[in-house]
Amino acid sequence: MRLSVTPATVPAGTVSLRVVNTGALAHEVLVLPLPSGQTIGQREPGSDQRVDEADSLGEASHDCAAGKGDGIAPGSKGWITLTLRPGRYELVCNFPDHYARGMYAELNVTGR
């Protein structure tokens, strides 16, 4: 399992993330601020095999639509549009055990 982001650096402001699920399982993408000094993949999953998503700025987890849903099915697309400040963000799939198996990527947001 993996999650990749292209481009990995975008300017601050309105950012639309288009998620294409090319895998064999349903997935989602949450946008989490990355704390200073932390690198991607360091979050500790809980007993439910998911990371804490209390700080989530939003998610793409709806087939052929924006925002929350039940996951993006294999072969489908979803998206979300957010206003992001400069900083580092971790994009994660938070379905059980997906984060622990490597489904995360970094998005860098630069000043205008």
C-alpha atoms as a PDB file:
ATOM      1  CA  MET A   1       0.000   0.000   0.000  1.00  0.00           C
ATOM      2  CA  ARG A   2       1.162   3.508  -0.728  1.00  0.00           C
ATOM      3  CA  LEU A   3      -0.083   7.036  -1.148  1.00  0.00           C
ATOM      4  CA  SER A   4       1.651   9.503  -3.430  1.00  0.00           C
ATOM      5  CA  VAL A   5       1.075  13.200  -4.061  1.00  0.00           C
ATOM      6  CA  THR A   6       1.880  15.165  -7.220  1.00  0.00           C
ATOM      7  CA  PRO A   7       2.916  17.916  -7.015  1.00  0.00           C
ATOM      8  CA  ALA A   8       4.285  17.613  -3.478  1.00  0.00           C
ATOM      9  CA  THR A   9       4.565  21.404  -3.073  1.00  0.00           C
ATOM     10  CA  VAL A  10       1.758  23.897  -3.714  1.00  0.00           C
ATOM     11  CA  PRO A  11       1.222  27.599  -2.961  1.00  0.00           C
ATOM     12  CA  ALA A  12      -0.887  28.612   0.053  1.00  0.00           C
ATOM     13  CA  GLY A  13      -4.554  29.349  -0.523  1.00  0.00           C
ATOM     14  CA  THR A  14      -7.257  27.275  -2.138  1.00  0.00           C
ATOM     15  CA  VAL A  15      -5.977  23.759  -2.822  1.00  0.00           C
ATOM     16  CA  SER A  16      -7.993  21.005  -4.489  1.00  0.00           C
ATOM     17  CA  LEU A  17      -6.839  17.447  -3.930  1.00  0.00           C
ATOM     18  CA  ARG A  18      -8.030  14.945  -6.504  1.00  0.00           C
ATOM     19  CA  VAL A  19      -7.731  11.378  -5.242  1.00  0.00           C
ATOM     20  CA  VAL A  20      -7.536   8.495  -7.696  1.00  0.00           C
ATOM     21  CA  ASN A  21      -7.780   5.024  -6.173  1.00  0.00           C
ATOM     22  CA  THR A  22      -5.704   2.692  -8.325  1.00  0.00           C
ATOM     23  CA  GLY A  23      -5.615  -0.018  -5.655  1.00  0.00           C
ATOM     24  CA  ALA A  24      -7.746  -3.077  -4.968  1.00  0.00           C
ATOM     25  CA  LEU A  25      -9.297  -1.775  -1.709  1.00  0.00           C
ATOM     26  CA  ALA A  26     -11.347   1.284  -0.763  1.00  0.00           C
ATOM     27  CA  HIS A  27      -9.304   4.212   0.602  1.00  0.00           C
ATOM     28  CA  GLU A  28      -9.648   7.770   1.874  1.00  0.00           C
ATOM     29  CA  VAL A  29      -7.302  10.739   2.218  1.00  0.00           C
ATOM     30  CA  LEU A  30      -7.296  12.915   5.326  1.00  0.00           C
ATOM     31  CA  VAL A  31      -5.308  16.143   5.548  1.00  0.00           C
ATOM     32  CA  LEU A  32      -3.511  16.510   8.895  1.00  0.00           C
ATOM     33  CA  PRO A  33      -1.140  19.325   9.899  1.00  0.00           C
ATOM     34  CA  LEU A  34       2.368  17.970  10.418  1.00  0.00           C
ATOM     35  CA  PRO A  35       3.782  19.208  13.741  1.00  0.00           C
ATOM     36  CA  SER A  36       7.170  20.903  13.730  1.00  0.00           C
ATOM     37  CA  GLY A  37      10.002  18.399  13.980  1.00  0.00           C
ATOM     38  CA  GLN A  38       7.800  15.443  13.008  1.00  0.00           C
ATOM     39  CA  THR A  39       8.183  13.472   9.808  1.00  0.00           C
ATOM     40  CA  ILE A  40       5.512  11.524   8.000  1.00  0.00           C
ATOM     41  CA  GLY A  41       4.804   8.007   9.205  1.00  0.00           C
ATOM     42  CA  GLN A  42       5.473   8.788  12.889  1.00  0.00           C
ATOM     43  CA  ARG A  43       1.878   8.900  14.135  1.00  0.00           C
ATOM     44  CA  GLU A  44       0.988   6.102  16.502  1.00  0.00           C
ATOM     45  CA  PRO A  45      -2.134   4.142  15.504  1.00  0.00           C
ATOM     46  CA  GLY A  46      -4.555   3.330  18.328  1.00  0.00           C
ATOM     47  CA  SER A  47      -6.113   0.011  19.226  1.00  0.00           C
ATOM     48  CA  ASP A  48      -8.508   0.490  16.290  1.00  0.00           C
ATOM     49  CA  GLN A  49      -5.452   0.566  13.956  1.00  0.00           C
ATOM     50  CA  ARG A  50      -6.216   4.183  12.995  1.00  0.00           C
ATOM     51  CA  VAL A  51      -4.390   7.426  13.797  1.00  0.00           C
ATOM     52  CA  ASP A  52      -6.026  10.270  15.721  1.00  0.00           C
ATOM     53  CA  GLU A  53      -7.853  12.439  13.227  1.00  0.00           C
ATOM     54  CA  ALA A  54      -9.033  15.139  15.644  1.00  0.00           C
ATOM     55  CA  ASP A  55      -6.850  17.740  13.869  1.00  0.00           C
ATOM     56  CA  SER A  56      -8.031  16.747  10.392  1.00  0.00           C
ATOM     57  CA  LEU A  57      -8.673  19.692   8.100  1.00  0.00           C
ATOM     58  CA  GLY A  58     -10.874  17.577   5.864  1.00  0.00           C
ATOM     59  CA  GLU A  59     -11.025  14.386   3.896  1.00  0.00           C
ATOM     60  CA  ALA A  60     -11.670  12.935   0.482  1.00  0.00           C
ATOM     61  CA  SER A  61     -13.585   9.715   0.978  1.00  0.00           C
ATOM     62  CA  HIS A  62     -16.567   9.855  -1.344  1.00  0.00           C
ATOM     63  CA  ASP A  63     -16.821   8.217  -4.783  1.00  0.00           C
ATOM     64  CA  CYS A  64     -17.006  10.777  -7.573  1.00  0.00           C
ATOM     65  CA  ALA A  65     -17.684  13.634  -5.147  1.00  0.00           C
ATOM     66  CA  ALA A  66     -16.031  15.943  -2.630  1.00  0.00           C
ATOM     67  CA  GLY A  67     -15.720  15.444   1.119  1.00  0.00           C
ATOM     68  CA  LYS A  68     -16.725  12.702   3.508  1.00  0.00           C
ATOM     69  CA  GLY A  69     -18.178   9.358   2.549  1.00  0.00           C
ATOM     70  CA  ASP A  70     -17.616   5.662   3.019  1.00  0.00           C
ATOM     71  CA  GLY A  71     -14.378   5.499   1.055  1.00  0.00           C
ATOM     72  CA  ILE A  72     -13.229   5.800  -2.515  1.00  0.00           C
ATOM     73  CA  ALA A  73     -13.771   2.482  -4.261  1.00  0.00           C
ATOM     74  CA  PRO A  74     -11.104   0.879  -6.438  1.00  0.00           C
ATOM     75  CA  GLY A  75     -11.030   2.558  -9.838  1.00  0.00           C
ATOM     76  CA  SER A  76     -12.921   5.613  -8.565  1.00  0.00           C
ATOM     77  CA  LYS A  77     -12.015   9.211  -7.794  1.00  0.00           C
ATOM     78  CA  GLY A  78     -12.871  11.638  -5.027  1.00  0.00           C
ATOM     79  CA  TRP A  79     -11.709  15.112  -4.080  1.00  0.00           C
ATOM     80  CA  ILE A  80     -11.666  17.867  -1.525  1.00  0.00           C
ATOM     81  CA  THR A  81     -10.982  21.587  -1.754  1.00  0.00           C
ATOM     82  CA  LEU A  82      -9.402  23.330   1.241  1.00  0.00           C
ATOM     83  CA  THR A  83      -7.800  26.634   2.094  1.00  0.00           C
ATOM     84  CA  LEU A  84      -4.320  25.791   3.378  1.00  0.00           C
ATOM     85  CA  ARG A  85      -1.785  28.027   5.106  1.00  0.00           C
ATOM     86  CA  PRO A  86       1.953  27.654   4.535  1.00  0.00           C
ATOM     87  CA  GLY A  87       3.282  24.594   6.334  1.00  0.00           C
ATOM     88  CA  ARG A  88       3.694  20.859   6.119  1.00  0.00           C
ATOM     89  CA  TYR A  89       0.774  18.460   5.981  1.00  0.00           C
ATOM     90  CA  GLU A  90       0.504  14.699   6.170  1.00  0.00           C
ATOM     91  CA  LEU A  91      -1.983  13.057   3.844  1.00  0.00           C
ATOM     92  CA  VAL A  92      -3.139   9.728   5.264  1.00  0.00           C
ATOM     93  CA  CYS A  93      -5.505   6.884   4.564  1.00  0.00           C
ATOM     94  CA  ASN A  94      -7.049   6.206   7.947  1.00  0.00           C
ATOM     95  CA  PHE A  95      -8.833   2.971   7.204  1.00  0.00           C
ATOM     96  CA  PRO A  96      -7.772   0.348   9.768  1.00  0.00           C
ATOM     97  CA  ASP A  97      -4.107  -0.660   9.335  1.00  0.00           C
ATOM     98  CA  HIS A  98      -3.617   1.362   6.122  1.00  0.00           C
ATOM     99  CA  TYR A  99      -1.452   4.032   7.807  1.00  0.00           C
ATOM    100  CA  ALA A 100       0.724   1.390   9.469  1.00  0.00           C
ATOM    101  CA  ARG A 101       1.170  -0.252   6.068  1.00  0.00           C
ATOM    102  CA  GLY A 102       2.552   2.951   4.515  1.00  0.00           C
ATOM    103  CA  MET A 103      -0.422   4.943   3.224  1.00  0.00           C
ATOM    104  CA  TYR A 104       0.820   8.449   3.960  1.00  0.00           C
ATOM    105  CA  ALA A 105       2.524  11.249   2.047  1.00  0.00           C
ATOM    106  CA  GLU A 106       3.739  14.777   2.719  1.00  0.00           C
ATOM    107  CA  LEU A 107       2.272  17.911   1.149  1.00  0.00           C
ATOM    108  CA  ASN A 108       4.271  21.138   1.498  1.00  0.00           C
ATOM    109  CA  VAL A 109       2.421  24.435   1.254  1.00  0.00           C
ATOM    110  CA  THR A 110       4.552  27.489   0.556  1.00  0.00           C
ATOM    111  CA  GLY A 111       3.846  31.202   1.007  1.00  0.00           C
ATOM    112  CA  ARG A 112       2.460  32.999  -1.993  1.00  0.00           C
END
